[in-house]
Amino acid sequence: MISARKLVIAAAALAITAGLAGCGEKDQVVMYQQGKYQGKPDTKPWDDDPAASLYTTSKWTKGDKSSWEDALRTRSQSQNEYVRIGN
């Protein structure tokens, strides 16, 4: 049979071990290089293919900023409730 003293010592040792387990985490630091972009290069939204997304219904000419802006304007006007109800 295990004595009460041994049980208390075992519980205290277990609590100390569990408490110290959280102290072992290492710092996770990203090393940045000055002037160097670490991510992927971004492209202009109007340089994307209009059919690249399955969820878009707007069409524009690839590489043409003004046609892309017109497509955005048309899309936002179709979401305008005042325009939709025929105010």
C-alpha atoms as a PDB file:
ATOM      1  CA  MET A   1       0.000   0.000   0.000  1.00  0.00           C
ATOM      2  CA  ILE A   2       1.282   3.478  -0.867  1.00  0.00           C
ATOM      3  CA  SER A   3       1.610   5.827   2.059  1.00  0.00           C
ATOM      4  CA  ALA A   4       0.039   9.277   2.016  1.00  0.00           C
ATOM      5  CA  ARG A   5       3.453  10.922   2.230  1.00  0.00           C
ATOM      6  CA  LYS A   6       4.702   9.161  -0.919  1.00  0.00           C
ATOM      7  CA  LEU A   7       1.488  10.103  -2.704  1.00  0.00           C
ATOM      8  CA  VAL A   8       1.902  13.793  -1.772  1.00  0.00           C
ATOM      9  CA  ILE A   9       5.552  13.761  -2.887  1.00  0.00           C
ATOM     10  CA  ALA A  10       4.614  12.117  -6.195  1.00  0.00           C
ATOM     11  CA  ALA A  11       1.813  14.659  -6.794  1.00  0.00           C
ATOM     12  CA  ALA A  12       4.156  17.558  -5.982  1.00  0.00           C
ATOM     13  CA  ALA A  13       6.832  16.183  -8.329  1.00  0.00           C
ATOM     14  CA  LEU A  14       4.231  15.786 -11.051  1.00  0.00           C
ATOM     15  CA  ALA A  15       3.001  19.368 -10.534  1.00  0.00           C
ATOM     16  CA  ILE A  16       6.543  20.757 -10.644  1.00  0.00           C
ATOM     17  CA  THR A  17       7.329  18.756 -13.791  1.00  0.00           C
ATOM     18  CA  ALA A  18       4.153  19.979 -15.500  1.00  0.00           C
ATOM     19  CA  GLY A  19       4.879  23.555 -14.435  1.00  0.00           C
ATOM     20  CA  LEU A  20       8.413  23.477 -15.809  1.00  0.00           C
ATOM     21  CA  ALA A  21       7.290  21.919 -19.095  1.00  0.00           C
ATOM     22  CA  GLY A  22       5.833  25.282 -20.173  1.00  0.00           C
ATOM     23  CA  CYS A  23       9.198  26.989 -19.687  1.00  0.00           C
ATOM     24  CA  GLY A  24      10.858  25.039 -22.482  1.00  0.00           C
ATOM     25  CA  GLU A  25       9.321  26.995 -25.372  1.00  0.00           C
ATOM     26  CA  LYS A  26      11.889  28.576 -27.652  1.00  0.00           C
ATOM     27  CA  ASP A  27      11.474  32.053 -29.102  1.00  0.00           C
ATOM     28  CA  GLN A  28      10.106  32.072 -32.653  1.00  0.00           C
ATOM     29  CA  VAL A  29      11.625  35.112 -34.275  1.00  0.00           C
ATOM     30  CA  VAL A  30      11.647  35.893 -37.981  1.00  0.00           C
ATOM     31  CA  MET A  31      14.953  37.269 -39.178  1.00  0.00           C
ATOM     32  CA  TYR A  32      14.240  40.127 -41.589  1.00  0.00           C
ATOM     33  CA  GLN A  33      16.843  41.407 -43.986  1.00  0.00           C
ATOM     34  CA  GLN A  34      16.747  45.160 -44.463  1.00  0.00           C
ATOM     35  CA  GLY A  35      15.347  46.036 -47.882  1.00  0.00           C
ATOM     36  CA  LYS A  36      14.428  42.466 -48.783  1.00  0.00           C
ATOM     37  CA  TYR A  37      10.761  41.502 -49.204  1.00  0.00           C
ATOM     38  CA  GLN A  38      10.220  38.011 -47.851  1.00  0.00           C
ATOM     39  CA  GLY A  39       6.767  37.312 -49.319  1.00  0.00           C
ATOM     40  CA  LYS A  40       5.484  36.576 -52.763  1.00  0.00           C
ATOM     41  CA  PRO A  41       5.480  39.382 -55.308  1.00  0.00           C
ATOM     42  CA  ASP A  42       2.073  40.945 -55.864  1.00  0.00           C
ATOM     43  CA  THR A  43       0.639  41.690 -59.270  1.00  0.00           C
ATOM     44  CA  LYS A  44      -1.795  44.395 -60.256  1.00  0.00           C
ATOM     45  CA  PRO A  45      -5.409  43.188 -60.040  1.00  0.00           C
ATOM     46  CA  TRP A  46      -6.112  44.192 -63.634  1.00  0.00           C
ATOM     47  CA  ASP A  47      -3.229  41.998 -64.814  1.00  0.00           C
ATOM     48  CA  ASP A  48      -5.085  38.880 -63.671  1.00  0.00           C
ATOM     49  CA  ASP A  49      -7.127  36.799 -66.053  1.00  0.00           C
ATOM     50  CA  PRO A  50     -10.845  37.698 -65.715  1.00  0.00           C
ATOM     51  CA  ALA A  51     -11.817  34.031 -65.920  1.00  0.00           C
ATOM     52  CA  ALA A  52      -9.345  32.972 -63.202  1.00  0.00           C
ATOM     53  CA  SER A  53     -12.021  32.997 -60.501  1.00  0.00           C
ATOM     54  CA  LEU A  54     -15.056  30.754 -60.710  1.00  0.00           C
ATOM     55  CA  TYR A  55     -17.075  33.168 -58.586  1.00  0.00           C
ATOM     56  CA  THR A  56     -16.785  36.369 -60.579  1.00  0.00           C
ATOM     57  CA  THR A  57     -19.223  37.397 -63.265  1.00  0.00           C
ATOM     58  CA  SER A  58     -17.500  40.635 -64.211  1.00  0.00           C
ATOM     59  CA  LYS A  59     -15.388  40.721 -67.331  1.00  0.00           C
ATOM     60  CA  TRP A  60     -12.505  43.015 -68.137  1.00  0.00           C
ATOM     61  CA  THR A  61      -9.625  43.075 -70.552  1.00  0.00           C
ATOM     62  CA  LYS A  62      -6.469  41.643 -69.035  1.00  0.00           C
ATOM     63  CA  GLY A  63      -3.903  44.395 -68.464  1.00  0.00           C
ATOM     64  CA  ASP A  64      -6.389  47.256 -69.011  1.00  0.00           C
ATOM     65  CA  LYS A  65      -6.840  49.226 -65.799  1.00  0.00           C
ATOM     66  CA  SER A  66      -9.799  51.276 -67.027  1.00  0.00           C
ATOM     67  CA  SER A  67     -11.818  48.205 -68.069  1.00  0.00           C
ATOM     68  CA  TRP A  68     -11.077  46.624 -64.676  1.00  0.00           C
ATOM     69  CA  GLU A  69     -12.301  49.798 -62.920  1.00  0.00           C
ATOM     70  CA  ASP A  70     -15.447  49.788 -65.078  1.00  0.00           C
ATOM     71  CA  ALA A  71     -16.093  46.163 -64.109  1.00  0.00           C
ATOM     72  CA  LEU A  72     -15.734  47.080 -60.410  1.00  0.00           C
ATOM     73  CA  ARG A  73     -18.051  50.057 -60.826  1.00  0.00           C
ATOM     74  CA  THR A  74     -20.655  47.879 -62.559  1.00  0.00           C
ATOM     75  CA  ARG A  75     -20.389  45.247 -59.846  1.00  0.00           C
ATOM     76  CA  SER A  76     -20.796  47.758 -57.028  1.00  0.00           C
ATOM     77  CA  GLN A  77     -23.791  49.376 -58.744  1.00  0.00           C
ATOM     78  CA  SER A  78     -25.489  45.991 -59.077  1.00  0.00           C
ATOM     79  CA  GLN A  79     -25.125  45.593 -55.302  1.00  0.00           C
ATOM     80  CA  ASN A  80     -26.622  49.024 -54.603  1.00  0.00           C
ATOM     81  CA  GLU A  81     -30.162  48.522 -53.282  1.00  0.00           C
ATOM     82  CA  TYR A  82     -31.372  51.930 -54.443  1.00  0.00           C
ATOM     83  CA  VAL A  83     -30.355  51.166 -58.016  1.00  0.00           C
ATOM     84  CA  ARG A  84     -31.748  47.632 -57.883  1.00  0.00           C
ATOM     85  CA  ILE A  85     -35.262  48.622 -56.766  1.00  0.00           C
ATOM     86  CA  GLY A  86     -35.560  51.285 -59.444  1.00  0.00           C
ATOM     87  CA  ASN A  87     -35.673  54.305 -57.182  1.00  0.00           C
END
